[in-house]
Amino acid sequence: MAAVLAGGRGAVLSHESAAALWGLSPRDSPPVDVSTPTQHQLNGVRFHRSSLPADELTVHRGIPVTSVPRTLFDNAATVSRLRFERLLQEAEFRRLTDRLSLSDLVDRYPGRRGVATVRAVLADGRFGASISKEELELRFVAFVDRHAIPPPVLNGMVATGSGAYEADCHWPEARLIAELDGRGAHLTSHAFEADRARDRALSVAGWRVIRITWRQLHADEPSLAADLRTLLRWGSRR
């Protein structure tokens, strides 16, 4: 907190020090990383000149700090890929999610150092295995709102000739269902077979089923939004 106060108005804990405050890293020794809009110098403090928007900042344990996504984003530019992956894994394990995603930050700062690392790590598909259905649903609702997509019916029942199924998200007029796939819930052979049997029954009943993953919501957001809009427009014209 002393280091943040030394940074003046608008200063926040950031980079590796923010990762330590969030519990993502054990690092707690100098120098302390602080992002601030103005130029400062102080022994034991590493200042980063930056003016950050409000949605990238928060307060944790009483200390102004970069949000978890912004903390991860900053570290992608200063640490090795392996260390960045470990920070991301720890954030996932601790369920440290935020309305603003890493994908949002990549879109916001496409030329920033570290973006290539973020894109590569999110694209390899190894993250998201421990994300719960509830978290995926919250992320999807925020995504729909952010892209002005018509809100779906959540966890509603859809009838077919062979029975009724609970759909994660569906748009009745467009006959479109979006299933939110958390990897942990779909890795068993039984779940794999049951998912596909249900999709087949829904298709026979005239529903189109798409599956959306945690990685797509983080790393492929623009194209996912465009595809959903197209599917909803096409379905509404049927």
C-alpha atoms as a PDB file:
ATOM      1  CA  MET A   1       0.000   0.000   0.000  1.00  0.00           C
ATOM      2  CA  ALA A   2       2.899   2.339   0.724  1.00  0.00           C
ATOM      3  CA  ALA A   3       4.242   1.764  -2.788  1.00  0.00           C
ATOM      4  CA  VAL A   4       0.831   2.525  -4.324  1.00  0.00           C
ATOM      5  CA  LEU A   5       0.527   5.730  -2.281  1.00  0.00           C
ATOM      6  CA  ALA A   6       3.994   6.734  -3.463  1.00  0.00           C
ATOM      7  CA  GLY A   7       2.744   6.474  -7.046  1.00  0.00           C
ATOM      8  CA  GLY A   8       0.289   9.314  -6.535  1.00  0.00           C
ATOM      9  CA  ARG A   9      -3.239   9.755  -7.831  1.00  0.00           C
ATOM     10  CA  GLY A  10      -4.420   6.880 -10.019  1.00  0.00           C
ATOM     11  CA  ALA A  11      -1.642   4.488  -8.970  1.00  0.00           C
ATOM     12  CA  VAL A  12      -2.392   0.772  -8.531  1.00  0.00           C
ATOM     13  CA  LEU A  13      -0.468  -2.379  -7.716  1.00  0.00           C
ATOM     14  CA  SER A  14       0.260  -4.241 -10.966  1.00  0.00           C
ATOM     15  CA  HIS A  15       2.280  -6.887 -12.821  1.00  0.00           C
ATOM     16  CA  GLU A  16       3.984  -9.500 -10.593  1.00  0.00           C
ATOM     17  CA  SER A  17       3.086  -7.685  -7.369  1.00  0.00           C
ATOM     18  CA  ALA A  18      -0.591  -7.731  -8.363  1.00  0.00           C
ATOM     19  CA  ALA A  19      -0.280 -11.454  -9.135  1.00  0.00           C
ATOM     20  CA  ALA A  20       1.087 -11.981  -5.622  1.00  0.00           C
ATOM     21  CA  LEU A  21      -1.752  -9.970  -4.054  1.00  0.00           C
ATOM     22  CA  TRP A  22      -4.330 -12.051  -5.965  1.00  0.00           C
ATOM     23  CA  GLY A  23      -2.653 -15.241  -4.732  1.00  0.00           C
ATOM     24  CA  LEU A  24      -1.497 -16.284  -8.199  1.00  0.00           C
ATOM     25  CA  SER A  25       2.186 -16.103  -7.321  1.00  0.00           C
ATOM     26  CA  PRO A  26       4.246 -16.417  -4.122  1.00  0.00           C
ATOM     27  CA  ARG A  27       6.403 -13.410  -5.049  1.00  0.00           C
ATOM     28  CA  ASP A  28       6.390 -10.830  -2.247  1.00  0.00           C
ATOM     29  CA  SER A  29       9.890  -9.287  -2.323  1.00  0.00           C
ATOM     30  CA  PRO A  30      11.048  -5.951  -3.821  1.00  0.00           C
ATOM     31  CA  PRO A  31      10.813  -4.345  -6.213  1.00  0.00           C
ATOM     32  CA  VAL A  32       7.089  -3.682  -5.915  1.00  0.00           C
ATOM     33  CA  ASP A  33       5.314  -3.152  -9.256  1.00  0.00           C
ATOM     34  CA  VAL A  34       3.067  -0.087  -9.466  1.00  0.00           C
ATOM     35  CA  SER A  35       1.289   1.326 -12.526  1.00  0.00           C
ATOM     36  CA  THR A  36       0.725   5.081 -12.419  1.00  0.00           C
ATOM     37  CA  PRO A  37      -0.242   7.803 -14.908  1.00  0.00           C
ATOM     38  CA  THR A  38       2.700  10.007 -13.892  1.00  0.00           C
ATOM     39  CA  GLN A  39       6.469   9.592 -13.760  1.00  0.00           C
ATOM     40  CA  HIS A  40       7.926   8.490 -10.412  1.00  0.00           C
ATOM     41  CA  GLN A  41      11.151   7.053  -9.035  1.00  0.00           C
ATOM     42  CA  LEU A  42      11.631   5.365  -5.671  1.00  0.00           C
ATOM     43  CA  ASN A  43      14.023   2.711  -4.408  1.00  0.00           C
ATOM     44  CA  GLY A  44      12.297  -0.633  -4.053  1.00  0.00           C
ATOM     45  CA  VAL A  45       9.435   0.297  -6.387  1.00  0.00           C
ATOM     46  CA  ARG A  46       9.261  -0.448 -10.124  1.00  0.00           C
ATOM     47  CA  PHE A  47       6.905   2.091 -11.668  1.00  0.00           C
ATOM     48  CA  HIS A  48       5.100   1.407 -14.954  1.00  0.00           C
ATOM     49  CA  ARG A  49       3.834   4.531 -16.697  1.00  0.00           C
ATOM     50  CA  SER A  50       0.234   3.756 -17.615  1.00  0.00           C
ATOM     51  CA  SER A  51      -3.207   5.322 -17.341  1.00  0.00           C
ATOM     52  CA  LEU A  52      -5.685   2.460 -17.018  1.00  0.00           C
ATOM     53  CA  PRO A  53      -9.468   2.540 -17.614  1.00  0.00           C
ATOM     54  CA  ALA A  54     -11.797   1.882 -14.701  1.00  0.00           C
ATOM     55  CA  ASP A  55     -12.862  -1.595 -15.881  1.00  0.00           C
ATOM     56  CA  GLU A  56      -9.256  -2.806 -15.578  1.00  0.00           C
ATOM     57  CA  LEU A  57      -8.937  -1.719 -11.938  1.00  0.00           C
ATOM     58  CA  THR A  58     -10.367  -2.822  -8.613  1.00  0.00           C
ATOM     59  CA  VAL A  59      -9.558  -2.941  -4.902  1.00  0.00           C
ATOM     60  CA  HIS A  60      -8.434  -6.170  -3.236  1.00  0.00           C
ATOM     61  CA  ARG A  61      -7.672  -6.453   0.472  1.00  0.00           C
ATOM     62  CA  GLY A  62      -7.936  -2.680   0.661  1.00  0.00           C
ATOM     63  CA  ILE A  63      -5.239  -2.079  -1.967  1.00  0.00           C
ATOM     64  CA  PRO A  64      -5.932  -0.530  -5.402  1.00  0.00           C
ATOM     65  CA  VAL A  65      -4.847  -3.160  -7.927  1.00  0.00           C
ATOM     66  CA  THR A  66      -5.253  -4.202 -11.535  1.00  0.00           C
ATOM     67  CA  SER A  67      -8.097  -6.678 -12.137  1.00  0.00           C
ATOM     68  CA  VAL A  68      -7.182 -10.331 -12.555  1.00  0.00           C
ATOM     69  CA  PRO A  69      -7.463 -10.254 -16.391  1.00  0.00           C
ATOM     70  CA  ARG A  70      -5.370  -7.069 -16.574  1.00  0.00           C
ATOM     71  CA  THR A  71      -2.843  -8.565 -14.136  1.00  0.00           C
ATOM     72  CA  LEU A  72      -2.507 -11.651 -16.342  1.00  0.00           C
ATOM     73  CA  PHE A  73      -2.299  -9.475 -19.447  1.00  0.00           C
ATOM     74  CA  ASP A  74       0.522  -7.374 -17.968  1.00  0.00           C
ATOM     75  CA  ASN A  75       2.453 -10.455 -16.905  1.00  0.00           C
ATOM     76  CA  ALA A  76       2.213 -11.942 -20.398  1.00  0.00           C
ATOM     77  CA  ALA A  77       4.497  -9.109 -21.521  1.00  0.00           C
ATOM     78  CA  THR A  78       7.118  -9.545 -18.794  1.00  0.00           C
ATOM     79  CA  VAL A  79       7.363 -13.239 -17.859  1.00  0.00           C
ATOM     80  CA  SER A  80       8.021 -16.443 -19.771  1.00  0.00           C
ATOM     81  CA  ARG A  81       5.188 -18.298 -21.476  1.00  0.00           C
ATOM     82  CA  LEU A  82       5.518 -21.137 -18.964  1.00  0.00           C
ATOM     83  CA  ARG A  83       5.160 -18.739 -16.041  1.00  0.00           C
ATOM     84  CA  PHE A  84       2.204 -17.014 -17.708  1.00  0.00           C
ATOM     85  CA  GLU A  85       0.507 -20.389 -18.154  1.00  0.00           C
ATOM     86  CA  ARG A  86       1.002 -21.134 -14.462  1.00  0.00           C
ATOM     87  CA  LEU A  87      -0.508 -17.788 -13.482  1.00  0.00           C
ATOM     88  CA  LEU A  88      -3.499 -18.443 -15.740  1.00  0.00           C
ATOM     89  CA  GLN A  89      -3.932 -21.945 -14.332  1.00  0.00           C
ATOM     90  CA  GLU A  90      -3.911 -20.564 -10.790  1.00  0.00           C
ATOM     91  CA  ALA A  91      -6.470 -17.881 -11.667  1.00  0.00           C
ATOM     92  CA  GLU A  92      -8.693 -20.592 -13.140  1.00  0.00           C
ATOM     93  CA  PHE A  93      -8.239 -22.829 -10.095  1.00  0.00           C
ATOM     94  CA  ARG A  94      -9.178 -19.955  -7.770  1.00  0.00           C
ATOM     95  CA  ARG A  95     -12.249 -19.073  -9.905  1.00  0.00           C
ATOM     96  CA  LEU A  96     -10.966 -15.508 -10.369  1.00  0.00           C
ATOM     97  CA  THR A  97     -13.164 -14.390 -13.260  1.00  0.00           C
ATOM     98  CA  ASP A  98     -14.151 -10.903 -14.355  1.00  0.00           C
ATOM     99  CA  ARG A  99     -16.637  -9.322 -16.738  1.00  0.00           C
ATOM    100  CA  LEU A 100     -13.686  -8.097 -18.802  1.00  0.00           C
ATOM    101  CA  SER A 101     -11.851 -11.093 -20.294  1.00  0.00           C
ATOM    102  CA  LEU A 102      -8.340 -11.628 -21.607  1.00  0.00           C
ATOM    103  CA  SER A 103      -9.871 -11.748 -25.080  1.00  0.00           C
ATOM    104  CA  ASP A 104     -11.342  -8.276 -24.495  1.00  0.00           C
ATOM    105  CA  LEU A 105      -7.893  -6.969 -23.577  1.00  0.00           C
ATOM    106  CA  VAL A 106      -6.335  -8.527 -26.680  1.00  0.00           C
ATOM    107  CA  ASP A 107      -8.940  -6.701 -28.796  1.00  0.00           C
ATOM    108  CA  ARG A 108      -8.367  -3.485 -26.872  1.00  0.00           C
ATOM    109  CA  TYR A 109      -4.552  -3.584 -27.170  1.00  0.00           C
ATOM    110  CA  PRO A 110      -3.797  -5.669 -30.294  1.00  0.00           C
ATOM    111  CA  GLY A 111      -0.270  -4.321 -30.731  1.00  0.00           C
ATOM    112  CA  ARG A 112       0.830  -4.574 -27.130  1.00  0.00           C
ATOM    113  CA  ARG A 113       3.812  -6.685 -26.142  1.00  0.00           C
ATOM    114  CA  GLY A 114       2.634 -10.043 -24.802  1.00  0.00           C
ATOM    115  CA  VAL A 115      -0.487 -10.288 -26.976  1.00  0.00           C
ATOM    116  CA  ALA A 116       1.024 -13.102 -29.035  1.00  0.00           C
ATOM    117  CA  THR A 117       1.624 -15.094 -25.848  1.00  0.00           C
ATOM    118  CA  VAL A 118      -1.956 -14.576 -24.646  1.00  0.00           C
ATOM    119  CA  ARG A 119      -3.375 -15.620 -28.016  1.00  0.00           C
ATOM    120  CA  ALA A 120      -1.190 -18.715 -28.226  1.00  0.00           C
ATOM    121  CA  VAL A 121      -1.984 -19.911 -24.700  1.00  0.00           C
ATOM    122  CA  LEU A 122      -5.735 -19.371 -25.052  1.00  0.00           C
ATOM    123  CA  ALA A 123      -5.763 -21.051 -28.454  1.00  0.00           C
ATOM    124  CA  ASP A 124      -4.185 -24.324 -27.338  1.00  0.00           C
ATOM    125  CA  GLY A 125      -7.410 -25.409 -25.602  1.00  0.00           C
ATOM    126  CA  ARG A 126      -5.889 -26.648 -22.335  1.00  0.00           C
ATOM    127  CA  PHE A 127      -7.564 -24.052 -20.161  1.00  0.00           C
ATOM    128  CA  GLY A 128     -11.141 -24.076 -18.940  1.00  0.00           C
ATOM    129  CA  ALA A 129     -11.333 -27.692 -17.726  1.00  0.00           C
ATOM    130  CA  SER A 130     -12.247 -26.639 -14.183  1.00  0.00           C
ATOM    131  CA  ILE A 131     -14.720 -23.912 -15.096  1.00  0.00           C
ATOM    132  CA  SER A 132     -18.198 -24.713 -13.773  1.00  0.00           C
ATOM    133  CA  LYS A 133     -21.430 -24.522 -15.755  1.00  0.00           C
ATOM    134  CA  GLU A 134     -22.541 -21.573 -13.623  1.00  0.00           C
ATOM    135  CA  GLU A 135     -19.396 -19.609 -14.477  1.00  0.00           C
ATOM    136  CA  LEU A 136     -19.762 -20.415 -18.161  1.00  0.00           C
ATOM    137  CA  GLU A 137     -23.362 -19.262 -18.016  1.00  0.00           C
ATOM    138  CA  LEU A 138     -22.413 -15.960 -16.351  1.00  0.00           C
ATOM    139  CA  ARG A 139     -19.691 -15.419 -18.950  1.00  0.00           C
ATOM    140  CA  PHE A 140     -22.105 -16.184 -21.797  1.00  0.00           C
ATOM    141  CA  VAL A 141     -24.791 -13.841 -20.450  1.00  0.00           C
ATOM    142  CA  ALA A 142     -22.200 -11.047 -20.237  1.00  0.00           C
ATOM    143  CA  PHE A 143     -21.024 -11.876 -23.762  1.00  0.00           C
ATOM    144  CA  VAL A 144     -24.595 -11.724 -25.155  1.00  0.00           C
ATOM    145  CA  ASP A 145     -25.193  -8.392 -23.437  1.00  0.00           C
ATOM    146  CA  ARG A 146     -21.874  -6.953 -24.601  1.00  0.00           C
ATOM    147  CA  HIS A 147     -22.594  -7.791 -28.245  1.00  0.00           C
ATOM    148  CA  ALA A 148     -26.278  -6.746 -28.184  1.00  0.00           C
ATOM    149  CA  ILE A 149     -27.414 -10.273 -29.076  1.00  0.00           C
ATOM    150  CA  PRO A 150     -31.040 -11.103 -28.187  1.00  0.00           C
ATOM    151  CA  PRO A 151     -31.054 -12.760 -24.751  1.00  0.00           C
ATOM    152  CA  PRO A 152     -31.767 -16.510 -24.787  1.00  0.00           C
ATOM    153  CA  VAL A 153     -33.985 -18.578 -22.509  1.00  0.00           C
ATOM    154  CA  LEU A 154     -31.651 -20.060 -19.885  1.00  0.00           C
ATOM    155  CA  ASN A 155     -31.988 -23.667 -18.696  1.00  0.00           C
ATOM    156  CA  GLY A 156     -35.385 -24.109 -20.327  1.00  0.00           C
ATOM    157  CA  MET A 157     -37.003 -27.371 -21.398  1.00  0.00           C
ATOM    158  CA  VAL A 158     -37.189 -28.223 -25.118  1.00  0.00           C
ATOM    159  CA  ALA A 159     -39.545 -30.964 -26.323  1.00  0.00           C
ATOM    160  CA  THR A 160     -38.698 -33.573 -28.977  1.00  0.00           C
ATOM    161  CA  GLY A 161     -40.437 -36.687 -30.220  1.00  0.00           C
ATOM    162  CA  SER A 162     -38.396 -38.816 -27.830  1.00  0.00           C
ATOM    163  CA  GLY A 163     -38.722 -36.654 -24.732  1.00  0.00           C
ATOM    164  CA  ALA A 164     -37.835 -33.271 -23.270  1.00  0.00           C
ATOM    165  CA  TYR A 165     -34.344 -31.923 -22.696  1.00  0.00           C
ATOM    166  CA  GLU A 166     -33.019 -29.009 -20.668  1.00  0.00           C
ATOM    167  CA  ALA A 167     -31.123 -26.645 -22.954  1.00  0.00           C
ATOM    168  CA  ASP A 168     -28.428 -24.380 -21.507  1.00  0.00           C
ATOM    169  CA  CYS A 169     -29.527 -21.491 -23.745  1.00  0.00           C
ATOM    170  CA  HIS A 170     -32.114 -21.390 -26.509  1.00  0.00           C
ATOM    171  CA  TRP A 171     -33.918 -18.968 -28.785  1.00  0.00           C
ATOM    172  CA  PRO A 172     -37.376 -20.477 -29.501  1.00  0.00           C
ATOM    173  CA  GLU A 173     -38.239 -18.321 -32.540  1.00  0.00           C
ATOM    174  CA  ALA A 174     -34.940 -19.137 -34.247  1.00  0.00           C
ATOM    175  CA  ARG A 175     -35.048 -22.812 -33.180  1.00  0.00           C
ATOM    176  CA  LEU A 176     -31.462 -22.414 -32.004  1.00  0.00           C
ATOM    177  CA  ILE A 177     -29.842 -24.016 -28.947  1.00  0.00           C
ATOM    178  CA  ALA A 178     -26.428 -23.114 -27.528  1.00  0.00           C
ATOM    179  CA  GLU A 179     -24.897 -25.675 -25.186  1.00  0.00           C
ATOM    180  CA  LEU A 180     -22.147 -24.323 -22.920  1.00  0.00           C
ATOM    181  CA  ASP A 181     -19.499 -27.002 -22.762  1.00  0.00           C
ATOM    182  CA  GLY A 182     -17.250 -27.095 -19.728  1.00  0.00           C
ATOM    183  CA  ARG A 183     -14.596 -29.676 -20.484  1.00  0.00           C
ATOM    184  CA  GLY A 184     -14.810 -31.315 -17.081  1.00  0.00           C
ATOM    185  CA  ALA A 185     -18.481 -32.206 -17.566  1.00  0.00           C
ATOM    186  CA  HIS A 186     -18.062 -33.714 -21.025  1.00  0.00           C
ATOM    187  CA  LEU A 187     -14.876 -35.782 -20.857  1.00  0.00           C
ATOM    188  CA  THR A 188     -16.380 -39.172 -19.917  1.00  0.00           C
ATOM    189  CA  SER A 189     -17.411 -41.576 -22.640  1.00  0.00           C
ATOM    190  CA  HIS A 190     -20.963 -41.718 -21.237  1.00  0.00           C
ATOM    191  CA  ALA A 191     -21.341 -37.920 -21.381  1.00  0.00           C
ATOM    192  CA  PHE A 192     -19.846 -37.847 -24.874  1.00  0.00           C
ATOM    193  CA  GLU A 193     -22.368 -40.397 -26.169  1.00  0.00           C
ATOM    194  CA  ALA A 194     -25.328 -38.850 -24.305  1.00  0.00           C
ATOM    195  CA  ASP A 195     -24.552 -35.381 -25.678  1.00  0.00           C
ATOM    196  CA  ARG A 196     -24.558 -36.632 -29.245  1.00  0.00           C
ATOM    197  CA  ALA A 197     -27.724 -38.695 -28.834  1.00  0.00           C
ATOM    198  CA  ARG A 198     -29.494 -35.644 -27.472  1.00  0.00           C
ATOM    199  CA  ASP A 199     -28.172 -33.432 -30.293  1.00  0.00           C
ATOM    200  CA  ARG A 200     -29.499 -35.947 -32.828  1.00  0.00           C
ATOM    201  CA  ALA A 201     -32.959 -35.981 -31.234  1.00  0.00           C
ATOM    202  CA  LEU A 202     -33.056 -32.184 -31.168  1.00  0.00           C
ATOM    203  CA  SER A 203     -32.004 -31.990 -34.816  1.00  0.00           C
ATOM    204  CA  VAL A 204     -34.792 -34.372 -35.814  1.00  0.00           C
ATOM    205  CA  ALA A 205     -37.218 -32.081 -33.945  1.00  0.00           C
ATOM    206  CA  GLY A 206     -36.042 -29.119 -36.029  1.00  0.00           C
ATOM    207  CA  TRP A 207     -33.588 -27.518 -33.604  1.00  0.00           C
ATOM    208  CA  ARG A 208     -30.080 -26.430 -34.513  1.00  0.00           C
ATOM    209  CA  VAL A 209     -27.552 -27.108 -31.743  1.00  0.00           C
ATOM    210  CA  ILE A 210     -24.196 -25.369 -31.380  1.00  0.00           C
ATOM    211  CA  ARG A 211     -21.652 -25.955 -28.637  1.00  0.00           C
ATOM    212  CA  ILE A 212     -19.707 -23.087 -27.094  1.00  0.00           C
ATOM    213  CA  THR A 213     -16.605 -23.541 -24.940  1.00  0.00           C
ATOM    214  CA  TRP A 214     -14.825 -21.412 -22.368  1.00  0.00           C
ATOM    215  CA  ARG A 215     -11.909 -20.948 -24.761  1.00  0.00           C
ATOM    216  CA  GLN A 216     -14.182 -19.646 -27.522  1.00  0.00           C
ATOM    217  CA  LEU A 217     -15.694 -17.090 -25.150  1.00  0.00           C
ATOM    218  CA  HIS A 218     -12.200 -15.871 -24.308  1.00  0.00           C
ATOM    219  CA  ALA A 219     -10.220 -16.253 -27.499  1.00  0.00           C
ATOM    220  CA  ASP A 220     -12.734 -16.253 -30.354  1.00  0.00           C
ATOM    221  CA  GLU A 221     -15.333 -13.742 -29.192  1.00  0.00           C
ATOM    222  CA  PRO A 222     -15.738 -11.565 -32.351  1.00  0.00           C
ATOM    223  CA  SER A 223     -16.314 -14.474 -34.728  1.00  0.00           C
ATOM    224  CA  LEU A 224     -18.559 -16.230 -32.200  1.00  0.00           C
ATOM    225  CA  ALA A 225     -20.740 -13.105 -31.946  1.00  0.00           C
ATOM    226  CA  ALA A 226     -20.919 -12.794 -35.742  1.00  0.00           C
ATOM    227  CA  ASP A 227     -21.858 -16.458 -36.149  1.00  0.00           C
ATOM    228  CA  LEU A 228     -24.608 -16.223 -33.522  1.00  0.00           C
ATOM    229  CA  ARG A 229     -26.123 -13.158 -35.172  1.00  0.00           C
ATOM    230  CA  THR A 230     -26.140 -14.955 -38.541  1.00  0.00           C
ATOM    231  CA  LEU A 231     -27.748 -18.073 -37.082  1.00  0.00           C
ATOM    232  CA  LEU A 232     -30.415 -16.035 -35.298  1.00  0.00           C
ATOM    233  CA  ARG A 233     -31.245 -14.026 -38.418  1.00  0.00           C
ATOM    234  CA  TRP A 234     -31.404 -17.163 -40.569  1.00  0.00           C
ATOM    235  CA  GLY A 235     -33.551 -18.998 -38.036  1.00  0.00           C
ATOM    236  CA  SER A 236     -35.998 -16.126 -37.644  1.00  0.00           C
ATOM    237  CA  ARG A 237     -36.668 -16.114 -41.406  1.00  0.00           C
ATOM    238  CA  ARG A 238     -37.629 -19.789 -41.526  1.00  0.00           C
END
